[in-house]
Protein backbone atom coordinates (compact mmCIF):
# COMPACT_ATOMS: atom_id res chain seq x y z
CA MET A 1 127.31 134.73 163.72
CA PRO A 2 123.58 135.20 163.82
CA CYS A 3 121.15 132.73 162.25
CA ARG A 4 119.29 133.78 159.14
CA THR A 5 115.94 133.24 159.88
CA GLU A 6 114.26 134.55 156.52
CA ARG A 7 114.53 134.12 153.09
CA ILE A 8 116.98 136.88 151.07
CA ILE A 9 114.86 139.10 149.00
CA VAL A 10 116.42 138.86 145.59
CA PRO A 11 116.10 140.76 142.46
CA ASP A 12 114.67 138.98 139.27
CA GLY A 13 113.75 135.77 141.07
CA ILE A 14 117.27 134.75 141.59
CA GLN A 15 117.81 132.17 144.31
CA PHE A 16 121.00 133.62 145.85
CA GLU A 17 120.70 130.93 148.61
CA TYR A 18 122.57 128.62 146.46
CA LEU A 19 125.34 131.01 145.43
CA THR A 20 128.44 132.03 146.98
CA PRO A 21 129.74 135.49 146.12
CA ILE A 22 133.41 135.20 144.97
CA ASP A 23 134.73 137.60 147.50
CA LYS A 24 133.42 135.14 150.12
CA MET A 25 135.11 131.93 148.50
CA ASP A 26 137.40 131.48 151.47
CA SER A 27 134.38 129.89 153.30
CA TYR A 28 134.33 127.12 150.51
CA PRO A 29 134.32 123.72 152.02
CA ASP A 30 137.26 122.32 149.98
CA ALA A 31 140.45 124.31 150.21
CA GLU A 32 142.20 122.76 147.32
CA GLU A 33 139.18 123.68 144.99
CA ILE A 34 139.30 127.52 145.75
CA PRO A 35 142.13 128.39 143.38
CA LEU A 36 140.97 126.32 140.77
CA LEU A 37 137.60 127.72 140.89
CA LEU A 38 138.96 131.41 141.08
CA ASP A 39 141.06 130.32 137.85
CA MET A 40 137.95 129.51 136.39
CA HIS A 41 136.07 132.51 137.43
CA ALA A 42 139.03 134.52 135.69
CA GLU A 43 138.22 132.44 132.75
CA ALA A 44 134.45 133.07 132.91
CA LYS A 45 134.93 136.75 133.19
CA GLU A 46 137.43 136.84 130.35
CA TYR A 47 134.86 135.11 128.14
CA LEU A 48 132.04 137.39 128.97
CA SER A 49 134.24 140.44 128.59
CA SER A 50 135.13 138.99 125.12
CA HIS A 51 131.86 140.06 123.79
CA LYS A 52 131.36 143.47 122.54
CA TRP A 53 128.13 144.01 124.27
CA CYS A 54 129.54 143.04 127.57
CA THR A 55 129.38 145.94 129.85
CA SER A 56 131.13 146.35 133.27
CA ILE A 57 130.88 143.26 135.55
CA VAL A 58 129.88 144.49 139.05
CA GLU A 59 129.02 141.30 141.01
CA SER A 60 129.92 137.61 140.53
CA TYR A 61 128.89 134.42 142.38
CA LEU A 62 129.61 130.95 142.02
CA GLY A 63 126.78 128.73 141.34
CA TYR A 64 128.37 125.36 140.95
CA GLY A 65 131.98 124.21 140.42
CA VAL A 66 134.18 121.23 140.10
CA GLY A 67 137.65 122.67 139.83
CA LYS A 68 139.30 122.39 136.25
CA VAL A 69 136.10 120.31 134.92
CA ILE A 70 132.95 122.70 135.10
CA ALA A 71 132.21 125.93 136.75
CA LEU A 72 128.96 127.86 136.68
CA PHE A 73 129.00 131.66 137.60
CA LEU A 74 126.40 134.40 137.71
CA PHE A 75 127.50 137.83 136.86
CA ARG A 76 125.61 141.23 137.38
CA LEU A 77 126.45 143.72 134.78
CA ASP A 78 125.73 147.55 134.93
CA PRO A 79 124.42 149.06 132.84
CA PRO A 80 122.52 145.96 131.74
CA ILE A 81 122.73 144.59 128.08
CA LYS A 82 120.48 146.83 125.84
CA GLY A 83 118.90 148.25 129.16
CA THR A 84 117.29 144.64 129.65
CA ASP A 85 119.66 141.87 130.60
CA GLU A 86 121.27 142.59 134.00
CA TRP A 87 122.06 139.04 135.07
CA LEU A 88 123.82 136.42 132.81
CA TRP A 89 124.96 132.82 134.00
CA VAL A 90 128.47 131.66 132.38
CA LEU A 91 129.68 128.22 132.27
CA VAL A 92 133.18 127.22 131.73
CA GLY A 93 135.27 124.17 131.89
CA ASP A 94 136.12 121.02 130.10
CA LEU A 95 133.22 121.75 127.64
CA PRO A 96 132.27 124.50 125.31
CA SER A 97 131.88 127.85 127.24
CA ALA A 98 128.20 129.43 127.08
CA TYR A 99 126.53 132.44 128.47
CA PHE A 100 122.65 132.80 128.91
CA VAL A 101 120.01 134.97 130.55
CA ILE A 102 118.38 133.89 133.96
CA ASP A 103 114.76 134.02 132.79
CA GLU A 104 114.28 130.04 132.85
CA ALA A 105 117.15 129.59 135.38
CA PRO A 106 116.85 131.26 138.78
CA ASN A 107 119.20 128.94 140.41
CA PRO A 108 122.37 126.75 139.42
CA ALA A 109 120.55 123.36 138.88
CA GLU A 110 118.00 124.99 136.65
CA ALA A 111 121.03 126.97 134.79
CA LEU A 112 122.90 123.62 134.33
CA ALA A 113 119.60 122.16 132.97
CA ARG A 114 119.37 125.13 130.40
CA TYR A 115 123.03 124.88 129.62
CA CYS A 116 122.26 121.25 128.70
CA GLU A 117 119.30 122.29 126.61
CA LEU A 118 121.54 124.52 124.50
CA MET A 119 124.25 122.20 124.01
CA GLU A 120 121.89 119.07 123.05
CA ASP A 121 119.87 121.44 120.59
CA TRP A 122 123.51 122.21 118.85
CA ALA A 123 124.55 118.42 118.97
CA ASN A 124 121.16 117.14 117.60
CA ALA A 125 121.26 119.69 114.83
CA VAL A 126 124.88 118.66 113.83
CA LYS A 127 123.93 114.89 114.05
CA GLU A 128 120.98 115.51 111.97
CA GLY A 129 122.63 117.66 109.38
CA LYS A 130 120.52 120.45 110.12
CA SER A 131 121.37 124.39 109.87
CA LEU A 132 123.06 125.87 113.00
CA ASP A 133 121.43 129.16 112.45
CA ASP A 134 118.82 128.69 115.09
CA VAL A 135 120.93 126.85 117.97
CA TYR A 136 123.28 128.20 120.34
CA PRO A 137 126.67 128.96 118.73
CA VAL A 138 129.24 126.27 120.25
CA GLU A 139 132.79 126.83 119.71
CA ALA A 140 133.59 123.61 118.15
CA ALA A 141 133.60 121.98 114.74
CA PRO A 142 130.29 120.57 113.81
CA THR A 143 131.18 117.08 113.39
CA ALA A 144 129.34 114.04 114.59
CA GLU A 145 132.29 112.99 117.00
CA HIS A 146 132.06 116.69 118.81
CA ALA A 147 128.17 116.30 118.88
CA GLY A 148 128.51 112.67 120.41
CA MET A 149 131.18 113.83 122.98
CA LEU A 150 128.91 116.93 124.01
CA LEU A 151 125.92 114.54 124.48
CA SER A 152 127.89 112.39 126.52
CA ARG A 153 128.81 115.13 128.65
CA VAL A 154 125.28 116.60 128.83
CA GLU A 155 124.08 113.16 129.97
CA PHE A 156 126.84 113.46 132.67
CA ILE A 157 125.80 116.60 133.83
CA ARG A 158 121.99 115.81 134.07
CA LYS A 159 122.80 112.56 135.86
CA ASN A 160 125.41 113.71 138.40
CA LEU A 161 125.65 117.29 138.88
CA ILE A 162 122.15 118.75 138.55
CA PRO A 163 120.93 116.60 141.45
CA THR A 164 123.69 118.10 143.63
CA ALA A 165 123.28 121.71 142.35
CA LEU A 166 120.80 122.67 145.08
CA GLU A 167 122.91 122.26 147.74
CA PRO A 168 123.38 125.52 149.76
CA PRO A 169 126.84 126.88 149.57
CA PRO A 170 128.93 126.99 152.94
CA SER A 171 128.05 130.58 154.48
CA GLY A 172 130.02 130.80 157.38
CA ASP A 173 126.76 130.98 159.39
CA GLU A 174 125.85 128.23 162.05
CA ASP A 175 123.67 125.49 160.45
CA GLU A 176 119.97 125.61 160.91
CA GLU A 177 120.12 122.69 163.26
CA SER A 178 122.47 124.79 165.49
CA CYS A 179 120.09 127.81 165.19
CA GLU A 180 117.14 125.60 166.34
CA GLN A 181 119.13 124.33 169.34
CA GLN A 182 120.44 127.84 170.36
CA ASP A 183 116.80 129.30 170.11
CA ALA A 184 115.24 126.45 171.91
CA PRO A 185 114.66 127.13 175.62
CA ALA A 186 117.06 125.45 178.00
CA LYS A 187 115.79 122.09 179.56
CA GLU A 188 116.15 122.08 183.40
CA SER A 189 118.20 119.31 184.87
CA GLU A 190 116.46 117.14 187.06
């Protein structure tokens, strides 16, 4: 396959080089993870489609995933929601599902960080006995126990997952070093 020598031009600033198109999941490095992540993709599509405002999903990408634990997907909707939001991140797994816009999250690491902020806001409001009207709605009983569990997961995501979320996914293309070697002039033997 040819080497990619220039950055992909992307709509809305999305950094697609960190994403795997769902229809290209066969290039994912861990074959055992593929069916688990595809199941989570179906769960994310179902979650997103359950909202009345959800239009037709026309593209989807895996941003980050650990089968049966956490998966972050990017979806493109056509037409956009209320004519403005064409792209949405959706996170599903062994934690509250959520969707959010890409405005402050052009890549998986920033999307995971944004998810953490949303969940932390909810958990802190619960712990402090504040109104939940101004925080992201979490599908869990607003108890101190649930808030503590969620904060523990948020800490884990920040400490262990976000630092690895900007590793480019396998693309099936040759790696950059191979490209450089291939393009380098051959040395003459002595």
